[in-house]
Amino acid sequence: MLIPSETMDFLSMNSDKILLAVVEQGGYPDFTALYQSMGYEVVTVKTPRKAISYLKKNQVTMLVAEFNFQTDFRDRTSSLESIMAGVQNQQAINVVILLDKANIERFERVRSRFSIYNTLTFPFDEEQLKKAIKIIN
């Protein structure tokens, strides 16, 4: 489910648990219903730019994003690094990254620079995702 941008600010004012899903390439099932069953209000964006904009204006509990290696960047490995830079000024955000097994080594550069709560490599099932996004108090 894609949340229209005019609804995004409304959601952030009325929910304690917001999950921002950044689905750049996709190719996997829509997990919105799973996220909602775990008590999250879900905001889905399709570009890193929209994710960064949303993070500047809203406090998010959980961020689920893809790591997509991009060779055309000179100083970064992916647009995920730009999103993560925006997350750093948020206090209680947990980040779950979805990535292809072929990119694990490339992802380590990102992991070494930013706080990542959990990672999942494709393919994974709903139960694994559920465990990855569960916050233990």
N, C-alpha and C. Protein backbone atom coordinates (compact mmCIF):
# COMPACT_ATOMS: atom_id res chain seq x y z
N MET A 1 0.85 -1.17 0.00
CA MET A 1 0.00 0.00 0.00
C MET A 1 0.90 1.24 0.00
N LEU A 2 0.65 2.12 -0.92
CA LEU A 2 1.41 3.35 -1.02
C LEU A 2 0.60 4.45 -0.35
N ILE A 3 1.19 5.13 0.63
CA ILE A 3 0.53 6.20 1.35
C ILE A 3 0.79 7.51 0.61
N PRO A 4 -0.27 8.23 0.22
CA PRO A 4 -0.05 9.53 -0.45
C PRO A 4 0.69 10.48 0.48
N SER A 5 1.53 11.33 -0.10
CA SER A 5 2.37 12.21 0.71
C SER A 5 1.56 13.15 1.60
N GLU A 6 0.36 13.56 1.17
CA GLU A 6 -0.43 14.46 2.02
C GLU A 6 -0.95 13.74 3.26
N THR A 7 -0.97 12.42 3.25
CA THR A 7 -1.41 11.64 4.40
C THR A 7 -0.25 11.37 5.35
N MET A 8 0.97 11.46 4.87
CA MET A 8 2.13 11.08 5.66
C MET A 8 2.25 11.86 6.96
N ASP A 9 2.09 13.18 6.92
CA ASP A 9 2.21 13.97 8.13
C ASP A 9 1.11 13.64 9.12
N PHE A 10 -0.10 13.38 8.63
CA PHE A 10 -1.21 13.00 9.48
C PHE A 10 -0.90 11.72 10.23
N LEU A 11 -0.34 10.73 9.54
CA LEU A 11 -0.01 9.46 10.18
C LEU A 11 0.99 9.65 11.30
N SER A 12 2.00 10.47 11.06
CA SER A 12 3.04 10.63 12.06
C SER A 12 2.52 11.30 13.33
N MET A 13 1.47 12.07 13.22
CA MET A 13 0.92 12.74 14.40
C MET A 13 0.02 11.82 15.20
N ASN A 14 -0.46 10.72 14.59
CA ASN A 14 -1.47 9.91 15.24
C ASN A 14 -1.02 8.49 15.54
N SER A 15 0.26 8.20 15.46
CA SER A 15 0.72 6.85 15.71
C SER A 15 1.98 6.85 16.55
N ASP A 16 2.08 5.85 17.42
CA ASP A 16 3.27 5.70 18.23
C ASP A 16 4.35 4.93 17.49
N LYS A 17 3.93 4.02 16.60
CA LYS A 17 4.88 3.17 15.89
C LYS A 17 4.72 3.35 14.38
N ILE A 18 5.65 4.06 13.78
CA ILE A 18 5.61 4.26 12.34
C ILE A 18 6.75 3.48 11.70
N LEU A 19 6.41 2.71 10.67
CA LEU A 19 7.39 1.98 9.90
C LEU A 19 7.46 2.62 8.52
N LEU A 20 8.64 3.08 8.16
CA LEU A 20 8.87 3.64 6.83
C LEU A 20 9.49 2.55 5.98
N ALA A 21 8.78 2.13 4.92
CA ALA A 21 9.28 1.11 4.00
C ALA A 21 9.76 1.81 2.74
N VAL A 22 11.03 1.62 2.41
CA VAL A 22 11.60 2.21 1.20
C VAL A 22 11.76 1.08 0.19
N VAL A 23 10.91 1.09 -0.81
CA VAL A 23 10.88 0.03 -1.81
C VAL A 23 11.33 0.64 -3.14
N GLU A 24 12.63 0.58 -3.38
CA GLU A 24 13.19 1.15 -4.61
C GLU A 24 12.98 0.22 -5.80
N GLN A 25 13.44 -1.00 -5.67
CA GLN A 25 13.34 -1.95 -6.78
C GLN A 25 12.25 -2.98 -6.56
N GLY A 26 12.05 -3.38 -5.33
CA GLY A 26 11.01 -4.36 -5.04
C GLY A 26 11.37 -5.73 -5.55
N GLY A 27 10.39 -6.39 -6.17
CA GLY A 27 10.61 -7.75 -6.63
C GLY A 27 10.33 -8.77 -5.54
N TYR A 28 9.75 -8.33 -4.46
CA TYR A 28 9.38 -9.21 -3.35
C TYR A 28 7.97 -8.82 -2.92
N PRO A 29 7.31 -9.66 -2.12
CA PRO A 29 5.92 -9.38 -1.74
C PRO A 29 5.78 -8.06 -0.97
N ASP A 30 4.58 -7.52 -1.01
CA ASP A 30 4.24 -6.33 -0.24
C ASP A 30 3.96 -6.80 1.19
N PHE A 31 4.76 -6.35 2.13
CA PHE A 31 4.63 -6.78 3.53
C PHE A 31 3.83 -5.82 4.40
N THR A 32 3.09 -4.91 3.79
CA THR A 32 2.33 -3.92 4.54
C THR A 32 1.42 -4.58 5.57
N ALA A 33 0.69 -5.61 5.19
CA ALA A 33 -0.24 -6.28 6.12
C ALA A 33 0.51 -6.89 7.31
N LEU A 34 1.68 -7.45 7.07
CA LEU A 34 2.50 -8.00 8.15
C LEU A 34 2.92 -6.89 9.11
N TYR A 35 3.42 -5.79 8.55
CA TYR A 35 3.85 -4.66 9.39
C TYR A 35 2.67 -4.16 10.23
N GLN A 36 1.52 -4.03 9.60
CA GLN A 36 0.33 -3.54 10.32
C GLN A 36 -0.11 -4.51 11.40
N SER A 37 0.02 -5.81 11.14
CA SER A 37 -0.37 -6.81 12.15
C SER A 37 0.53 -6.74 13.38
N MET A 38 1.71 -6.13 13.21
CA MET A 38 2.63 -5.97 14.33
C MET A 38 2.47 -4.61 15.01
N GLY A 39 1.44 -3.87 14.62
CA GLY A 39 1.11 -2.62 15.29
C GLY A 39 1.72 -1.37 14.68
N TYR A 40 2.30 -1.47 13.50
CA TYR A 40 2.92 -0.31 12.86
C TYR A 40 1.94 0.40 11.94
N GLU A 41 2.00 1.71 11.93
CA GLU A 41 1.42 2.51 10.86
C GLU A 41 2.48 2.48 9.77
N VAL A 42 2.10 2.17 8.54
CA VAL A 42 3.07 1.97 7.48
C VAL A 42 3.02 3.10 6.47
N VAL A 43 4.19 3.64 6.18
CA VAL A 43 4.36 4.63 5.12
C VAL A 43 5.35 4.03 4.13
N THR A 44 4.93 3.93 2.88
CA THR A 44 5.78 3.35 1.85
C THR A 44 6.16 4.42 0.84
N VAL A 45 7.46 4.49 0.55
CA VAL A 45 7.95 5.40 -0.48
C VAL A 45 8.78 4.59 -1.47
N LYS A 46 8.91 5.13 -2.68
CA LYS A 46 9.60 4.39 -3.73
C LYS A 46 10.94 4.99 -4.11
N THR A 47 11.30 6.13 -3.52
CA THR A 47 12.59 6.74 -3.85
C THR A 47 13.31 7.16 -2.58
N PRO A 48 14.64 7.13 -2.61
CA PRO A 48 15.42 7.59 -1.46
C PRO A 48 15.13 9.06 -1.14
N ARG A 49 14.91 9.85 -2.15
CA ARG A 49 14.62 11.27 -1.94
C ARG A 49 13.37 11.48 -1.10
N LYS A 50 12.32 10.71 -1.39
CA LYS A 50 11.08 10.81 -0.61
C LYS A 50 11.30 10.29 0.81
N ALA A 51 12.12 9.27 0.96
CA ALA A 51 12.43 8.74 2.29
C ALA A 51 13.15 9.79 3.12
N ILE A 52 14.13 10.44 2.53
CA ILE A 52 14.90 11.47 3.23
C ILE A 52 13.99 12.63 3.63
N SER A 53 13.13 13.04 2.72
CA SER A 53 12.19 14.12 3.01
C SER A 53 11.26 13.75 4.15
N TYR A 54 10.74 12.53 4.14
CA TYR A 54 9.86 12.08 5.21
C TYR A 54 10.58 12.04 6.54
N LEU A 55 11.81 11.53 6.55
CA LEU A 55 12.59 11.42 7.78
C LEU A 55 12.93 12.78 8.38
N LYS A 56 13.05 13.80 7.55
CA LYS A 56 13.33 15.15 8.06
C LYS A 56 12.16 15.72 8.83
N LYS A 57 10.95 15.29 8.49
CA LYS A 57 9.74 15.88 9.07
C LYS A 57 9.07 15.00 10.12
N ASN A 58 9.45 13.74 10.20
CA ASN A 58 8.71 12.79 11.03
C ASN A 58 9.63 11.89 11.83
N GLN A 59 9.15 11.50 13.01
CA GLN A 59 9.86 10.53 13.85
C GLN A 59 9.37 9.13 13.47
N VAL A 60 10.28 8.25 13.14
CA VAL A 60 9.95 6.90 12.69
C VAL A 60 10.51 5.90 13.70
N THR A 61 9.75 4.83 13.95
CA THR A 61 10.20 3.78 14.86
C THR A 61 11.08 2.77 14.13
N MET A 62 10.66 2.41 12.90
CA MET A 62 11.34 1.36 12.15
C MET A 62 11.48 1.81 10.70
N LEU A 63 12.66 1.58 10.14
CA LEU A 63 12.92 1.83 8.73
C LEU A 63 13.30 0.51 8.10
N VAL A 64 12.59 0.11 7.05
CA VAL A 64 12.93 -1.08 6.29
C VAL A 64 13.28 -0.61 4.89
N ALA A 65 14.52 -0.87 4.48
CA ALA A 65 15.00 -0.38 3.19
C ALA A 65 15.86 -1.43 2.51
N GLU A 66 15.98 -1.29 1.19
CA GLU A 66 16.80 -2.19 0.39
C GLU A 66 18.21 -1.63 0.27
N PHE A 67 19.18 -2.54 0.17
CA PHE A 67 20.53 -2.15 -0.22
C PHE A 67 20.70 -2.60 -1.66
N ASN A 68 20.81 -1.63 -2.56
CA ASN A 68 21.01 -1.90 -3.98
C ASN A 68 22.33 -1.29 -4.38
N PHE A 69 23.32 -2.13 -4.64
CA PHE A 69 24.64 -1.65 -5.02
C PHE A 69 24.56 -0.92 -6.35
N GLN A 70 25.19 0.27 -6.39
CA GLN A 70 25.17 1.08 -7.61
C GLN A 70 26.60 1.49 -7.96
N THR A 71 27.04 1.10 -9.14
CA THR A 71 28.41 1.39 -9.56
C THR A 71 28.61 2.81 -10.03
N ASP A 72 27.53 3.54 -10.30
CA ASP A 72 27.67 4.89 -10.84
C ASP A 72 27.96 5.95 -9.78
N PHE A 73 27.97 5.60 -8.51
CA PHE A 73 28.32 6.55 -7.46
C PHE A 73 29.83 6.58 -7.26
N ARG A 74 30.37 7.75 -7.17
CA ARG A 74 31.82 7.89 -6.98
C ARG A 74 32.20 7.72 -5.50
N ASP A 75 31.41 8.30 -4.61
CA ASP A 75 31.77 8.32 -3.19
C ASP A 75 30.89 7.45 -2.30
N ARG A 76 29.94 6.74 -2.88
CA ARG A 76 29.03 5.89 -2.11
C ARG A 76 28.83 4.56 -2.84
N THR A 77 28.27 3.60 -2.13
CA THR A 77 27.96 2.32 -2.76
C THR A 77 26.50 2.22 -3.18
N SER A 78 25.63 3.04 -2.53
CA SER A 78 24.20 3.00 -2.86
C SER A 78 23.52 4.24 -2.29
N SER A 79 22.28 4.43 -2.70
CA SER A 79 21.49 5.54 -2.17
C SER A 79 21.10 5.30 -0.71
N LEU A 80 21.25 4.09 -0.24
CA LEU A 80 20.97 3.78 1.16
C LEU A 80 21.82 4.65 2.09
N GLU A 81 23.03 4.95 1.69
CA GLU A 81 23.90 5.76 2.54
C GLU A 81 23.33 7.16 2.76
N SER A 82 22.69 7.72 1.76
CA SER A 82 22.05 9.03 1.92
C SER A 82 20.88 8.94 2.89
N ILE A 83 20.10 7.87 2.78
CA ILE A 83 18.98 7.67 3.71
C ILE A 83 19.51 7.50 5.13
N MET A 84 20.55 6.71 5.29
CA MET A 84 21.11 6.47 6.61
C MET A 84 21.66 7.73 7.24
N ALA A 85 22.22 8.61 6.44
CA ALA A 85 22.70 9.89 6.98
C ALA A 85 21.54 10.68 7.57
N GLY A 86 20.38 10.58 6.96
CA GLY A 86 19.19 11.26 7.49
C GLY A 86 18.65 10.62 8.75
N VAL A 87 18.89 9.33 8.92
CA VAL A 87 18.41 8.60 10.09
C VAL A 87 19.25 8.92 11.33
N GLN A 88 20.49 9.29 11.14
CA GLN A 88 21.41 9.47 12.26
C GLN A 88 20.95 10.49 13.29
N ASN A 89 20.15 11.48 12.86
CA ASN A 89 19.69 12.49 13.83
C ASN A 89 18.40 12.08 14.53
N GLN A 90 17.88 10.89 14.24
CA GLN A 90 16.70 10.39 14.93
C GLN A 90 17.13 9.49 16.07
N GLN A 91 16.49 9.63 17.20
CA GLN A 91 16.90 8.93 18.41
C GLN A 91 16.58 7.44 18.41
N ALA A 92 15.31 7.09 18.38
CA ALA A 92 14.91 5.70 18.62
C ALA A 92 14.43 5.01 17.35
N ILE A 93 15.24 5.02 16.31
CA ILE A 93 14.85 4.38 15.07
C ILE A 93 15.65 3.09 14.89
N ASN A 94 14.95 2.05 14.49
CA ASN A 94 15.58 0.77 14.20
C ASN A 94 15.57 0.57 12.69
N VAL A 95 16.69 0.16 12.15
CA VAL A 95 16.84 0.02 10.70
C VAL A 95 17.03 -1.45 10.34
N VAL A 96 16.19 -1.93 9.43
CA VAL A 96 16.31 -3.28 8.90
C VAL A 96 16.60 -3.14 7.41
N ILE A 97 17.65 -3.80 6.97
CA ILE A 97 18.07 -3.72 5.59
C ILE A 97 17.84 -5.06 4.89
N LEU A 98 17.27 -4.97 3.70
CA LEU A 98 17.05 -6.14 2.85
C LEU A 98 18.09 -6.11 1.74
N LEU A 99 18.80 -7.24 1.53
CA LEU A 99 19.83 -7.22 0.51
C LEU A 99 20.02 -8.57 -0.15
N ASP A 100 20.61 -8.52 -1.32
CA ASP A 100 20.94 -9.71 -2.08
C ASP A 100 22.24 -10.31 -1.52
N LYS A 101 22.34 -11.62 -1.47
CA LYS A 101 23.53 -12.29 -0.94
C LYS A 101 24.79 -11.86 -1.69
N ALA A 102 24.66 -11.56 -2.97
CA ALA A 102 25.82 -11.16 -3.78
C ALA A 102 26.39 -9.82 -3.34
N ASN A 103 25.63 -9.05 -2.58
CA ASN A 103 26.07 -7.71 -2.16
C ASN A 103 26.48 -7.63 -0.69
N ILE A 104 26.58 -8.74 -0.02
CA ILE A 104 26.92 -8.73 1.41
C ILE A 104 28.26 -8.04 1.65
N GLU A 105 29.25 -8.38 0.88
CA GLU A 105 30.58 -7.78 1.06
C GLU A 105 30.55 -6.27 0.83
N ARG A 106 29.84 -5.83 -0.19
CA ARG A 106 29.72 -4.39 -0.47
C ARG A 106 28.94 -3.68 0.63
N PHE A 107 27.96 -4.37 1.21
CA PHE A 107 27.14 -3.79 2.27
C PHE A 107 27.95 -3.55 3.55
N GLU A 108 28.99 -4.31 3.77
CA GLU A 108 29.79 -4.17 4.99
C GLU A 108 30.33 -2.75 5.16
N ARG A 109 30.62 -2.08 4.08
CA ARG A 109 31.08 -0.67 4.16
C ARG A 109 30.00 0.21 4.80
N VAL A 110 28.77 -0.02 4.41
CA VAL A 110 27.65 0.75 4.98
C VAL A 110 27.46 0.36 6.44
N ARG A 111 27.47 -0.93 6.71
CA ARG A 111 27.27 -1.42 8.08
C ARG A 111 28.33 -0.86 9.04
N SER A 112 29.54 -0.70 8.55
CA SER A 112 30.61 -0.21 9.42
C SER A 112 30.45 1.27 9.77
N ARG A 113 29.68 1.99 8.99
CA ARG A 113 29.52 3.44 9.21
C ARG A 113 28.21 3.84 9.89
N PHE A 114 27.22 2.95 9.84
CA PHE A 114 25.89 3.30 10.36
C PHE A 114 25.36 2.20 11.27
N SER A 115 24.46 2.59 12.15
CA SER A 115 23.84 1.65 13.07
C SER A 115 22.69 0.91 12.37
N ILE A 116 22.83 -0.38 12.24
CA ILE A 116 21.83 -1.23 11.58
C ILE A 116 21.28 -2.20 12.63
N TYR A 117 19.98 -2.21 12.80
CA TYR A 117 19.32 -3.07 13.79
C TYR A 117 19.34 -4.52 13.35
N ASN A 118 19.04 -4.76 12.05
CA ASN A 118 18.97 -6.12 11.56
C ASN A 118 19.11 -6.13 10.05
N THR A 119 19.51 -7.26 9.49
CA THR A 119 19.57 -7.43 8.03
C THR A 119 18.93 -8.76 7.64
N LEU A 120 18.38 -8.77 6.45
CA LEU A 120 17.83 -10.00 5.88
C LEU A 120 18.33 -10.12 4.45
N THR A 121 18.76 -11.31 4.08
CA THR A 121 19.18 -11.53 2.70
C THR A 121 18.08 -12.28 1.96
N PHE A 122 17.90 -11.90 0.71
CA PHE A 122 16.91 -12.57 -0.14
C PHE A 122 17.39 -13.98 -0.46
N PRO A 123 16.53 -14.96 -0.54
CA PRO A 123 15.11 -14.92 -0.22
C PRO A 123 14.89 -15.11 1.28
N PHE A 124 13.84 -14.54 1.77
CA PHE A 124 13.46 -14.72 3.17
C PHE A 124 11.95 -14.88 3.22
N ASP A 125 11.45 -15.42 4.34
CA ASP A 125 10.00 -15.60 4.46
C ASP A 125 9.43 -14.61 5.48
N GLU A 126 8.13 -14.60 5.60
CA GLU A 126 7.46 -13.65 6.50
C GLU A 126 7.89 -13.84 7.94
N GLU A 127 8.11 -15.08 8.35
CA GLU A 127 8.50 -15.34 9.74
C GLU A 127 9.87 -14.72 10.05
N GLN A 128 10.80 -14.82 9.11
CA GLN A 128 12.12 -14.21 9.30
C GLN A 128 11.99 -12.68 9.37
N LEU A 129 11.14 -12.12 8.52
CA LEU A 129 10.93 -10.67 8.54
C LEU A 129 10.29 -10.24 9.85
N LYS A 130 9.34 -11.02 10.31
CA LYS A 130 8.67 -10.72 11.58
C LYS A 130 9.68 -10.65 12.73
N LYS A 131 10.58 -11.61 12.77
CA LYS A 131 11.63 -11.62 13.80
C LYS A 131 12.57 -10.42 13.64
N ALA A 132 12.87 -10.07 12.40
CA ALA A 132 13.80 -8.98 12.15
C ALA A 132 13.25 -7.62 12.55
N ILE A 133 11.94 -7.43 12.44
CA ILE A 133 11.38 -6.11 12.76
C ILE A 133 10.79 -6.04 14.17
N LYS A 134 10.82 -7.15 14.89
CA LYS A 134 10.30 -7.15 16.25
C LYS A 134 11.28 -6.40 17.15
N ILE A 135 10.76 -5.46 17.88
CA ILE A 135 11.58 -4.68 18.80
C ILE A 135 11.51 -5.33 20.18
N ILE A 136 12.67 -5.68 20.70
CA ILE A 136 12.73 -6.29 22.03
C ILE A 136 13.00 -5.19 23.04
N ASN A 137 12.11 -5.07 24.00
CA ASN A 137 12.25 -4.01 25.02
C ASN A 137 13.06 -4.47 26.19
